Amino acid sequence: MTRHLFTDAILETDRLRIRPYKLEDVNDLHRAVSGPTFYDYIPGETTPSLMEVENIIKWSISCCQKNTIEKIYKFNLGITLKETQEFIGFCGLGPYDLDPKQIELYYGISEKFTGQGLATEAARAVLQFGFDELQLDEIVTTVHPQNLASRRILEKVGFHYKLTLKNLTENDRAFEGYDYYAITKKSFKQLLKL
């Protein structure tokens, strides 16, 4: 049987197993994203209902099935702890909101597990997959300037600050003042060698 690059993807790190969503993840994903401050720095988002999480998972599974190296619709992944199989958050790659021709990295860890380097570990694994398996040349992201924890994660995995988003169109206004970061395959590979 042929392995599907997206639906069968398993990314492993020292402490994490990162894999595409399954329907049975609904309660775990909902619990992971339901902390009181989880959405503080995510523009236009609020804590989703259980049904909304179920719909996100179904949509994510369908995206995984139609993703190709040439076109990524959305590559949403669940983050679990290797040791306990506990579901602790999400990460992934998808078209950048402000320019769908670019691919962005995103991640979110349950508040219960922040401050342990787990988001950094997950981000690094997803970047490696993006550059090695998907042959991307550059990956971008945006971060709220006051989200110091996320900025530190981006810097640890090799992202570079490029600019602060200003004078955005009405449709993109939610990202006004956010910082735009990018990392190239070349700079990521150099960082791995250190």
N, C-alpha and C. Protein backbone atom coordinates (compact mmCIF):
# COMPACT_ATOMS: atom_id res chain seq x y z
N MET A 1 0.84 -1.20 0.00
CA MET A 1 0.00 0.00 0.00
C MET A 1 0.88 1.25 0.00
N THR A 2 0.56 2.20 -0.84
CA THR A 2 1.35 3.42 -0.93
C THR A 2 1.03 4.36 0.23
N ARG A 3 2.08 4.94 0.76
CA ARG A 3 1.91 5.89 1.88
C ARG A 3 1.53 7.26 1.30
N HIS A 4 0.47 7.86 1.84
CA HIS A 4 0.05 9.19 1.40
C HIS A 4 0.81 10.23 2.21
N LEU A 5 1.46 11.14 1.50
CA LEU A 5 2.34 12.12 2.14
C LEU A 5 1.65 12.90 3.25
N PHE A 6 0.38 13.21 3.09
CA PHE A 6 -0.33 14.04 4.08
C PHE A 6 -1.16 13.20 5.05
N THR A 7 -2.03 12.34 4.55
CA THR A 7 -2.94 11.62 5.46
C THR A 7 -2.19 10.64 6.36
N ASP A 8 -1.05 10.14 5.91
CA ASP A 8 -0.28 9.17 6.70
C ASP A 8 0.93 9.78 7.39
N ALA A 9 1.03 11.09 7.38
CA ALA A 9 2.21 11.75 7.96
C ALA A 9 2.26 11.53 9.47
N ILE A 10 3.43 11.16 9.96
CA ILE A 10 3.69 11.08 11.40
C ILE A 10 5.03 11.79 11.62
N LEU A 11 5.00 12.84 12.41
CA LEU A 11 6.24 13.57 12.74
C LEU A 11 6.55 13.25 14.19
N GLU A 12 7.77 12.82 14.45
CA GLU A 12 8.14 12.48 15.82
C GLU A 12 9.33 13.30 16.27
N THR A 13 9.27 13.72 17.52
CA THR A 13 10.39 14.43 18.15
C THR A 13 10.71 13.65 19.43
N ASP A 14 11.60 14.16 20.23
CA ASP A 14 11.94 13.47 21.48
C ASP A 14 10.71 13.21 22.35
N ARG A 15 9.84 14.22 22.43
CA ARG A 15 8.70 14.10 23.35
C ARG A 15 7.33 14.03 22.68
N LEU A 16 7.29 14.29 21.37
CA LEU A 16 6.00 14.47 20.71
C LEU A 16 5.77 13.51 19.55
N ARG A 17 4.50 13.24 19.32
CA ARG A 17 4.05 12.55 18.11
C ARG A 17 3.02 13.50 17.48
N ILE A 18 3.29 13.89 16.26
CA ILE A 18 2.46 14.90 15.58
C ILE A 18 1.86 14.22 14.35
N ARG A 19 0.53 14.30 14.23
CA ARG A 19 -0.13 13.55 13.17
C ARG A 19 -1.43 14.24 12.77
N PRO A 20 -1.96 13.90 11.57
CA PRO A 20 -3.22 14.51 11.14
C PRO A 20 -4.35 14.22 12.12
N TYR A 21 -5.31 15.13 12.16
CA TYR A 21 -6.48 14.95 13.02
C TYR A 21 -7.24 13.67 12.67
N LYS A 22 -7.89 13.10 13.71
CA LYS A 22 -8.82 11.99 13.53
C LYS A 22 -10.15 12.46 14.12
N LEU A 23 -11.24 11.85 13.68
CA LEU A 23 -12.56 12.24 14.19
C LEU A 23 -12.65 12.08 15.71
N GLU A 24 -11.96 11.10 16.25
CA GLU A 24 -12.03 10.89 17.70
C GLU A 24 -11.25 11.93 18.50
N ASP A 25 -10.61 12.88 17.83
CA ASP A 25 -9.87 13.95 18.51
C ASP A 25 -10.76 15.11 18.96
N VAL A 26 -12.04 15.07 18.62
CA VAL A 26 -12.92 16.23 18.85
C VAL A 26 -12.84 16.75 20.29
N ASN A 27 -13.10 15.89 21.26
CA ASN A 27 -13.11 16.35 22.66
C ASN A 27 -11.74 16.83 23.11
N ASP A 28 -10.70 16.09 22.71
CA ASP A 28 -9.34 16.46 23.11
C ASP A 28 -8.91 17.79 22.51
N LEU A 29 -9.21 18.00 21.23
CA LEU A 29 -8.84 19.27 20.59
C LEU A 29 -9.63 20.41 21.23
N HIS A 30 -10.91 20.19 21.47
CA HIS A 30 -11.74 21.22 22.08
C HIS A 30 -11.18 21.61 23.45
N ARG A 31 -10.81 20.61 24.23
CA ARG A 31 -10.24 20.87 25.56
C ARG A 31 -8.91 21.65 25.44
N ALA A 32 -8.08 21.28 24.46
CA ALA A 32 -6.77 21.92 24.28
C ALA A 32 -6.89 23.41 23.93
N VAL A 33 -7.95 23.77 23.18
CA VAL A 33 -8.07 25.16 22.72
C VAL A 33 -9.07 25.98 23.54
N SER A 34 -9.54 25.43 24.66
CA SER A 34 -10.59 26.11 25.43
C SER A 34 -10.09 26.91 26.63
N GLY A 35 -8.79 27.08 26.77
CA GLY A 35 -8.28 27.88 27.88
C GLY A 35 -8.70 29.33 27.75
N PRO A 36 -8.81 30.05 28.87
CA PRO A 36 -9.32 31.43 28.83
C PRO A 36 -8.47 32.41 28.02
N THR A 37 -7.19 32.13 27.84
CA THR A 37 -6.34 33.08 27.10
C THR A 37 -5.84 32.51 25.77
N PHE A 38 -6.33 31.32 25.38
CA PHE A 38 -5.81 30.64 24.19
C PHE A 38 -5.90 31.52 22.93
N TYR A 39 -6.99 32.24 22.78
CA TYR A 39 -7.22 33.02 21.55
C TYR A 39 -6.86 34.50 21.69
N ASP A 40 -6.18 34.87 22.75
CA ASP A 40 -5.85 36.28 22.97
C ASP A 40 -5.12 36.91 21.79
N TYR A 41 -4.24 36.17 21.14
CA TYR A 41 -3.42 36.75 20.07
C TYR A 41 -3.74 36.19 18.69
N ILE A 42 -4.88 35.53 18.55
CA ILE A 42 -5.27 35.00 17.25
C ILE A 42 -6.39 35.90 16.71
N PRO A 43 -6.11 36.64 15.62
CA PRO A 43 -7.09 37.63 15.15
C PRO A 43 -8.41 37.02 14.71
N GLY A 44 -9.48 37.64 15.21
CA GLY A 44 -10.82 37.27 14.77
C GLY A 44 -11.32 35.92 15.25
N GLU A 45 -10.62 35.26 16.16
CA GLU A 45 -11.04 33.93 16.60
C GLU A 45 -11.50 33.96 18.05
N THR A 46 -12.46 33.12 18.35
CA THR A 46 -12.90 32.93 19.73
C THR A 46 -12.97 31.42 19.97
N THR A 47 -13.10 31.03 21.22
CA THR A 47 -13.15 29.61 21.54
C THR A 47 -14.31 28.95 20.78
N PRO A 48 -14.01 27.92 19.99
CA PRO A 48 -15.06 27.26 19.21
C PRO A 48 -15.89 26.31 20.07
N SER A 49 -17.10 26.07 19.63
CA SER A 49 -17.96 25.08 20.29
C SER A 49 -17.47 23.68 19.90
N LEU A 50 -17.99 22.68 20.59
CA LEU A 50 -17.64 21.30 20.28
C LEU A 50 -18.01 20.96 18.83
N MET A 51 -19.17 21.43 18.39
CA MET A 51 -19.60 21.16 17.02
C MET A 51 -18.68 21.86 16.01
N GLU A 52 -18.26 23.07 16.32
CA GLU A 52 -17.33 23.79 15.43
C GLU A 52 -16.00 23.05 15.33
N VAL A 53 -15.52 22.51 16.45
CA VAL A 53 -14.27 21.73 16.44
C VAL A 53 -14.45 20.48 15.58
N GLU A 54 -15.61 19.83 15.72
CA GLU A 54 -15.87 18.64 14.90
C GLU A 54 -15.86 18.99 13.42
N ASN A 55 -16.46 20.13 13.07
CA ASN A 55 -16.46 20.57 11.67
C ASN A 55 -15.06 20.90 11.18
N ILE A 56 -14.24 21.51 12.03
CA ILE A 56 -12.85 21.83 11.68
C ILE A 56 -12.08 20.53 11.40
N ILE A 57 -12.30 19.53 12.25
CA ILE A 57 -11.60 18.26 12.07
C ILE A 57 -12.03 17.59 10.76
N LYS A 58 -13.33 17.56 10.49
CA LYS A 58 -13.83 16.95 9.24
C LYS A 58 -13.25 17.69 8.03
N TRP A 59 -13.25 19.02 8.09
CA TRP A 59 -12.70 19.82 7.00
C TRP A 59 -11.20 19.56 6.85
N SER A 60 -10.49 19.45 7.98
CA SER A 60 -9.05 19.20 7.96
C SER A 60 -8.73 17.85 7.32
N ILE A 61 -9.54 16.84 7.66
CA ILE A 61 -9.34 15.51 7.08
C ILE A 61 -9.53 15.57 5.56
N SER A 62 -10.55 16.30 5.12
CA SER A 62 -10.79 16.41 3.67
C SER A 62 -9.66 17.19 2.99
N CYS A 63 -9.13 18.21 3.67
CA CYS A 63 -7.98 18.95 3.10
C CYS A 63 -6.78 18.03 2.95
N CYS A 64 -6.52 17.23 3.99
CA CYS A 64 -5.39 16.30 3.96
C CYS A 64 -5.50 15.35 2.77
N GLN A 65 -6.72 14.91 2.48
CA GLN A 65 -6.92 13.95 1.40
C GLN A 65 -6.65 14.56 0.03
N LYS A 66 -6.88 15.89 -0.09
CA LYS A 66 -6.66 16.50 -1.41
C LYS A 66 -5.38 17.33 -1.50
N ASN A 67 -4.66 17.49 -0.38
CA ASN A 67 -3.37 18.20 -0.43
C ASN A 67 -2.41 17.50 -1.39
N THR A 68 -1.61 18.31 -2.07
CA THR A 68 -0.50 17.78 -2.88
C THR A 68 0.70 18.68 -2.62
N ILE A 69 1.85 18.26 -3.07
CA ILE A 69 3.04 19.10 -2.92
C ILE A 69 2.82 20.43 -3.65
N GLU A 70 2.12 20.37 -4.77
CA GLU A 70 1.88 21.59 -5.58
C GLU A 70 0.83 22.51 -4.95
N LYS A 71 -0.11 21.93 -4.20
CA LYS A 71 -1.18 22.76 -3.60
C LYS A 71 -1.55 22.22 -2.23
N ILE A 72 -1.26 23.02 -1.22
CA ILE A 72 -1.65 22.67 0.15
C ILE A 72 -2.89 23.48 0.49
N TYR A 73 -3.99 22.79 0.77
CA TYR A 73 -5.23 23.46 1.16
C TYR A 73 -5.13 23.84 2.64
N LYS A 74 -4.78 22.88 3.47
CA LYS A 74 -4.51 23.08 4.89
C LYS A 74 -3.97 21.75 5.39
N PHE A 75 -2.93 21.83 6.19
CA PHE A 75 -2.32 20.61 6.73
C PHE A 75 -2.32 20.75 8.24
N ASN A 76 -3.48 20.44 8.84
CA ASN A 76 -3.67 20.56 10.29
C ASN A 76 -3.24 19.28 10.99
N LEU A 77 -2.46 19.43 12.04
CA LEU A 77 -1.91 18.29 12.75
C LEU A 77 -2.19 18.41 14.25
N GLY A 78 -2.48 17.29 14.88
CA GLY A 78 -2.62 17.25 16.32
C GLY A 78 -1.28 16.93 16.96
N ILE A 79 -1.02 17.54 18.10
CA ILE A 79 0.22 17.29 18.84
C ILE A 79 -0.13 16.44 20.06
N THR A 80 0.53 15.30 20.19
CA THR A 80 0.32 14.44 21.35
C THR A 80 1.65 14.16 22.03
N LEU A 81 1.58 13.91 23.33
CA LEU A 81 2.78 13.53 24.08
C LEU A 81 3.06 12.06 23.81
N LYS A 82 4.30 11.75 23.45
CA LYS A 82 4.66 10.35 23.18
C LYS A 82 4.40 9.46 24.39
N GLU A 83 4.80 9.94 25.54
CA GLU A 83 4.78 9.12 26.75
C GLU A 83 3.36 8.74 27.19
N THR A 84 2.42 9.68 27.09
CA THR A 84 1.07 9.44 27.62
C THR A 84 -0.02 9.43 26.54
N GLN A 85 0.33 9.79 25.31
CA GLN A 85 -0.62 9.94 24.19
C GLN A 85 -1.61 11.07 24.42
N GLU A 86 -1.36 11.92 25.42
CA GLU A 86 -2.28 13.03 25.69
C GLU A 86 -2.22 14.04 24.55
N PHE A 87 -3.39 14.49 24.12
CA PHE A 87 -3.51 15.47 23.03
C PHE A 87 -3.31 16.86 23.64
N ILE A 88 -2.30 17.60 23.17
CA ILE A 88 -1.97 18.87 23.84
C ILE A 88 -2.09 20.11 22.95
N GLY A 89 -2.35 19.93 21.66
CA GLY A 89 -2.46 21.12 20.83
C GLY A 89 -2.46 20.79 19.35
N PHE A 90 -2.20 21.81 18.55
CA PHE A 90 -2.20 21.64 17.10
C PHE A 90 -1.06 22.42 16.48
N CYS A 91 -0.74 22.08 15.24
CA CYS A 91 0.22 22.84 14.45
C CYS A 91 -0.04 22.50 12.99
N GLY A 92 0.65 23.17 12.10
CA GLY A 92 0.45 22.83 10.71
C GLY A 92 0.97 23.88 9.76
N LEU A 93 0.64 23.64 8.50
CA LEU A 93 1.03 24.52 7.40
C LEU A 93 -0.20 24.77 6.54
N GLY A 94 -0.30 25.98 6.01
CA GLY A 94 -1.42 26.28 5.12
C GLY A 94 -1.19 27.59 4.41
N PRO A 95 -2.05 27.91 3.45
CA PRO A 95 -1.90 29.18 2.74
C PRO A 95 -1.96 30.36 3.72
N TYR A 96 -1.06 31.29 3.54
CA TYR A 96 -0.98 32.48 4.39
C TYR A 96 -2.19 33.36 4.15
N ASP A 97 -2.84 33.80 5.21
CA ASP A 97 -4.09 34.58 5.09
C ASP A 97 -3.96 35.79 4.18
N LEU A 98 -2.83 36.49 4.22
CA LEU A 98 -2.71 37.73 3.47
C LEU A 98 -2.15 37.53 2.06
N ASP A 99 -1.63 36.35 1.78
CA ASP A 99 -1.10 36.04 0.45
C ASP A 99 -1.09 34.52 0.29
N PRO A 100 -2.18 33.94 -0.22
CA PRO A 100 -2.32 32.49 -0.29
C PRO A 100 -1.25 31.77 -1.11
N LYS A 101 -0.44 32.51 -1.86
CA LYS A 101 0.65 31.87 -2.60
C LYS A 101 1.79 31.48 -1.66
N GLN A 102 1.81 32.09 -0.48
CA GLN A 102 2.83 31.75 0.52
C GLN A 102 2.25 30.71 1.49
N ILE A 103 3.15 29.94 2.11
CA ILE A 103 2.72 28.94 3.09
C ILE A 103 3.15 29.40 4.47
N GLU A 104 2.20 29.34 5.42
CA GLU A 104 2.51 29.78 6.78
C GLU A 104 2.52 28.62 7.76
N LEU A 105 3.30 28.81 8.80
CA LEU A 105 3.35 27.89 9.94
C LEU A 105 2.43 28.44 11.03
N TYR A 106 1.73 27.55 11.72
CA TYR A 106 0.92 27.97 12.87
C TYR A 106 0.96 26.86 13.91
N TYR A 107 0.69 27.22 15.15
CA TYR A 107 0.71 26.25 16.24
C TYR A 107 -0.05 26.81 17.43
N GLY A 108 -0.49 25.93 18.29
CA GLY A 108 -1.15 26.32 19.53
C GLY A 108 -1.06 25.17 20.52
N ILE A 109 -0.65 25.47 21.72
CA ILE A 109 -0.49 24.46 22.76
C ILE A 109 -1.44 24.77 23.92
N SER A 110 -2.06 23.75 24.45
CA SER A 110 -2.93 23.92 25.62
C SER A 110 -2.17 24.67 26.72
N GLU A 111 -2.87 25.59 27.37
CA GLU A 111 -2.23 26.41 28.41
C GLU A 111 -1.56 25.56 29.49
N LYS A 112 -2.10 24.38 29.72
CA LYS A 112 -1.55 23.46 30.72
C LYS A 112 -0.11 23.03 30.38
N PHE A 113 0.26 23.12 29.07
CA PHE A 113 1.56 22.60 28.64
C PHE A 113 2.50 23.69 28.10
N THR A 114 2.15 24.95 28.29
CA THR A 114 3.04 26.01 27.79
C THR A 114 4.26 26.12 28.69
N GLY A 115 5.30 26.74 28.16
CA GLY A 115 6.51 27.00 28.93
C GLY A 115 7.42 25.79 29.08
N GLN A 116 7.18 24.72 28.31
CA GLN A 116 8.02 23.52 28.41
C GLN A 116 8.80 23.24 27.13
N GLY A 117 8.75 24.17 26.19
CA GLY A 117 9.48 23.97 24.94
C GLY A 117 8.77 23.05 23.95
N LEU A 118 7.54 22.67 24.24
CA LEU A 118 6.83 21.74 23.37
C LEU A 118 6.40 22.38 22.05
N ALA A 119 5.97 23.63 22.09
CA ALA A 119 5.59 24.32 20.85
C ALA A 119 6.81 24.50 19.95
N THR A 120 7.96 24.77 20.55
CA THR A 120 9.20 24.91 19.77
C THR A 120 9.54 23.59 19.09
N GLU A 121 9.40 22.51 19.84
CA GLU A 121 9.68 21.17 19.30
C GLU A 121 8.74 20.86 18.14
N ALA A 122 7.45 21.18 18.30
CA ALA A 122 6.47 20.92 17.25
C ALA A 122 6.75 21.80 16.03
N ALA A 123 7.02 23.08 16.25
CA ALA A 123 7.29 24.00 15.14
C ALA A 123 8.50 23.54 14.33
N ARG A 124 9.54 23.13 15.02
CA ARG A 124 10.76 22.67 14.33
C ARG A 124 10.45 21.43 13.47
N ALA A 125 9.66 20.50 14.00
CA ALA A 125 9.31 19.28 13.26
C ALA A 125 8.49 19.61 12.01
N VAL A 126 7.55 20.54 12.15
CA VAL A 126 6.71 20.91 11.00
C VAL A 126 7.55 21.64 9.94
N LEU A 127 8.46 22.50 10.38
CA LEU A 127 9.35 23.17 9.42
C LEU A 127 10.17 22.14 8.65
N GLN A 128 10.74 21.19 9.38
CA GLN A 128 11.55 20.16 8.73
C GLN A 128 10.73 19.40 7.69
N PHE A 129 9.49 19.05 8.04
CA PHE A 129 8.61 18.36 7.09
C PHE A 129 8.34 19.25 5.88
N GLY A 130 8.07 20.52 6.13
CA GLY A 130 7.78 21.45 5.03
C GLY A 130 8.95 21.60 4.07
N PHE A 131 10.14 21.70 4.61
CA PHE A 131 11.31 21.88 3.75
C PHE A 131 11.77 20.57 3.11
N ASP A 132 11.75 19.47 3.86
CA ASP A 132 12.26 18.20 3.33
C ASP A 132 11.25 17.47 2.46
N GLU A 133 10.04 17.29 2.99
CA GLU A 133 9.04 16.49 2.28
C GLU A 133 8.24 17.28 1.25
N LEU A 134 7.92 18.53 1.59
CA LEU A 134 7.07 19.33 0.70
C LEU A 134 7.89 20.23 -0.22
N GLN A 135 9.19 20.23 -0.02
CA GLN A 135 10.11 20.99 -0.88
C GLN A 135 9.80 22.49 -0.93
N LEU A 136 9.33 23.04 0.19
CA LEU A 136 9.08 24.48 0.26
C LEU A 136 10.42 25.21 0.35
N ASP A 137 10.47 26.39 -0.24
CA ASP A 137 11.70 27.20 -0.16
C ASP A 137 11.64 28.21 0.96
N GLU A 138 10.41 28.60 1.34
CA GLU A 138 10.23 29.60 2.40
C GLU A 138 8.92 29.33 3.11
N ILE A 139 8.90 29.59 4.41
CA ILE A 139 7.69 29.49 5.21
C ILE A 139 7.57 30.79 6.00
N VAL A 140 6.36 31.32 6.10
CA VAL A 140 6.14 32.61 6.76
C VAL A 140 5.18 32.44 7.93
N THR A 141 5.03 33.49 8.71
CA THR A 141 4.03 33.51 9.76
C THR A 141 3.86 34.94 10.26
N THR A 142 2.80 35.18 11.01
CA THR A 142 2.63 36.48 11.66
C THR A 142 2.40 36.23 13.15
N VAL A 143 2.76 37.22 13.93
CA VAL A 143 2.61 37.09 15.38
C VAL A 143 2.26 38.47 15.95
N HIS A 144 1.38 38.48 16.94
CA HIS A 144 1.06 39.72 17.63
C HIS A 144 2.31 40.20 18.36
N PRO A 145 2.66 41.48 18.25
CA PRO A 145 3.90 41.95 18.86
C PRO A 145 3.99 41.74 20.37
N GLN A 146 2.84 41.65 21.05
CA GLN A 146 2.86 41.43 22.50
C GLN A 146 2.92 39.95 22.88
N ASN A 147 2.85 39.07 21.88
CA ASN A 147 2.90 37.63 22.15
C ASN A 147 4.38 37.21 22.24
N LEU A 148 4.99 37.56 23.36
CA LEU A 148 6.43 37.34 23.53
C LEU A 148 6.80 35.87 23.49
N ALA A 149 5.95 35.01 24.03
CA ALA A 149 6.26 33.57 24.03
C ALA A 149 6.35 33.04 22.60
N SER A 150 5.40 33.44 21.76
CA SER A 150 5.41 32.98 20.38
C SER A 150 6.58 33.58 19.60
N ARG A 151 6.90 34.82 19.86
CA ARG A 151 8.06 35.43 19.19
C ARG A 151 9.34 34.69 19.55
N ARG A 152 9.47 34.28 20.81
CA ARG A 152 10.66 33.52 21.23
C ARG A 152 10.72 32.18 20.51
N ILE A 153 9.58 31.53 20.36
CA ILE A 153 9.53 30.24 19.64
C ILE A 153 10.01 30.44 18.21
N LEU A 154 9.47 31.46 17.55
CA LEU A 154 9.85 31.71 16.16
C LEU A 154 11.35 31.95 16.03
N GLU A 155 11.90 32.73 16.94
CA GLU A 155 13.33 33.02 16.87
C GLU A 155 14.17 31.77 17.16
N LYS A 156 13.71 30.94 18.09
CA LYS A 156 14.45 29.70 18.41
C LYS A 156 14.52 28.76 17.22
N VAL A 157 13.45 28.69 16.42
CA VAL A 157 13.45 27.77 15.28
C VAL A 157 14.01 28.41 14.01
N GLY A 158 14.42 29.69 14.10
CA GLY A 158 15.15 30.29 12.98
C GLY A 158 14.41 31.31 12.14
N PHE A 159 13.18 31.67 12.51
CA PHE A 159 12.46 32.71 11.76
C PHE A 159 13.15 34.06 11.96
N HIS A 160 13.02 34.92 10.95
CA HIS A 160 13.55 36.28 11.03
C HIS A 160 12.41 37.28 10.86
N TYR A 161 12.43 38.29 11.73
CA TYR A 161 11.45 39.37 11.62
C TYR A 161 11.70 40.12 10.31
N LYS A 162 10.64 40.38 9.55
CA LYS A 162 10.78 41.10 8.28
C LYS A 162 10.16 42.49 8.34
N LEU A 163 8.93 42.58 8.88
CA LEU A 163 8.26 43.88 8.92
C LEU A 163 7.02 43.81 9.80
N THR A 164 6.50 44.97 10.13
CA THR A 164 5.24 45.06 10.86
C THR A 164 4.16 45.41 9.85
N LEU A 165 3.07 44.68 9.86
CA LEU A 165 2.00 44.88 8.88
C LEU A 165 1.25 46.17 9.16
N LYS A 166 1.19 47.03 8.14
CA LYS A 166 0.52 48.34 8.29
C LYS A 166 -0.31 48.66 7.06
N ASN A 167 -1.29 49.54 7.25
CA ASN A 167 -2.13 50.02 6.15
C ASN A 167 -2.76 48.88 5.35
N LEU A 168 -3.30 47.91 6.07
CA LEU A 168 -3.91 46.76 5.42
C LEU A 168 -5.31 47.10 4.90
N THR A 169 -5.76 46.31 3.96
CA THR A 169 -7.10 46.51 3.40
C THR A 169 -8.14 46.16 4.48
N GLU A 170 -9.37 46.55 4.22
CA GLU A 170 -10.46 46.30 5.17
C GLU A 170 -10.56 44.81 5.51
N ASN A 171 -10.43 43.95 4.49
CA ASN A 171 -10.52 42.49 4.70
C ASN A 171 -9.44 41.95 5.62
N ASP A 172 -8.28 42.57 5.60
CA ASP A 172 -7.12 42.06 6.36
C ASP A 172 -6.85 42.85 7.64
N ARG A 173 -7.74 43.79 7.98
CA ARG A 173 -7.53 44.71 9.09
C ARG A 173 -7.23 44.02 10.42
N ALA A 174 -7.71 42.80 10.61
CA ALA A 174 -7.48 42.07 11.87
C ALA A 174 -5.99 41.85 12.13
N PHE A 175 -5.17 41.88 11.07
CA PHE A 175 -3.72 41.65 11.21
C PHE A 175 -2.92 42.95 11.32
N GLU A 176 -3.60 44.07 11.34
CA GLU A 176 -2.91 45.37 11.44
C GLU A 176 -2.01 45.40 12.68
N GLY A 177 -0.74 45.76 12.49
CA GLY A 177 0.20 45.86 13.60
C GLY A 177 0.89 44.55 13.96
N TYR A 178 0.50 43.45 13.33
CA TYR A 178 1.16 42.17 13.59
C TYR A 178 2.55 42.16 12.93
N ASP A 179 3.45 41.37 13.48
CA ASP A 179 4.79 41.24 12.92
C ASP A 179 4.84 40.06 11.96
N TYR A 180 5.48 40.28 10.83
CA TYR A 180 5.61 39.26 9.77
C TYR A 180 7.02 38.67 9.85
N TYR A 181 7.08 37.34 9.90
CA TYR A 181 8.35 36.62 10.00
C TYR A 181 8.46 35.65 8.82
N ALA A 182 9.70 35.31 8.46
CA ALA A 182 9.93 34.32 7.40
C ALA A 182 11.18 33.52 7.71
N ILE A 183 11.23 32.33 7.15
CA ILE A 183 12.43 31.48 7.25
C ILE A 183 12.59 30.76 5.91
N THR A 184 13.81 30.70 5.43
CA THR A 184 14.07 29.98 4.18
C THR A 184 14.60 28.59 4.49
N LYS A 185 14.47 27.72 3.52
CA LYS A 185 14.99 26.36 3.66
C LYS A 185 16.49 26.41 3.96
N LYS A 186 17.19 27.27 3.25
CA LYS A 186 18.65 27.37 3.42
C LYS A 186 19.02 27.78 4.85
N SER A 187 18.35 28.79 5.38
CA SER A 187 18.71 29.25 6.73
C SER A 187 18.31 28.21 7.79
N PHE A 188 17.20 27.49 7.56
CA PHE A 188 16.79 26.43 8.49
C PHE A 188 17.83 25.32 8.51
N LYS A 189 18.30 24.92 7.33
CA LYS A 189 19.29 23.84 7.24
C LYS A 189 20.60 24.26 7.91
N GLN A 190 20.97 25.52 7.75
CA GLN A 190 22.20 26.01 8.39
C GLN A 190 22.06 25.96 9.91
N LEU A 191 20.89 26.33 10.40
CA LEU A 191 20.64 26.31 11.84
C LEU A 191 20.72 24.89 12.40
N LEU A 192 20.23 23.91 11.64
CA LEU A 192 20.28 22.52 12.10
C LEU A 192 21.69 22.01 12.24
N LYS A 193 22.60 22.57 11.45
CA LYS A 193 24.00 22.12 11.48
C LYS A 193 24.75 22.64 12.70
N LEU A 194 24.23 23.70 13.33
CA LEU A 194 24.94 24.30 14.47
C LEU A 194 24.94 23.38 15.68
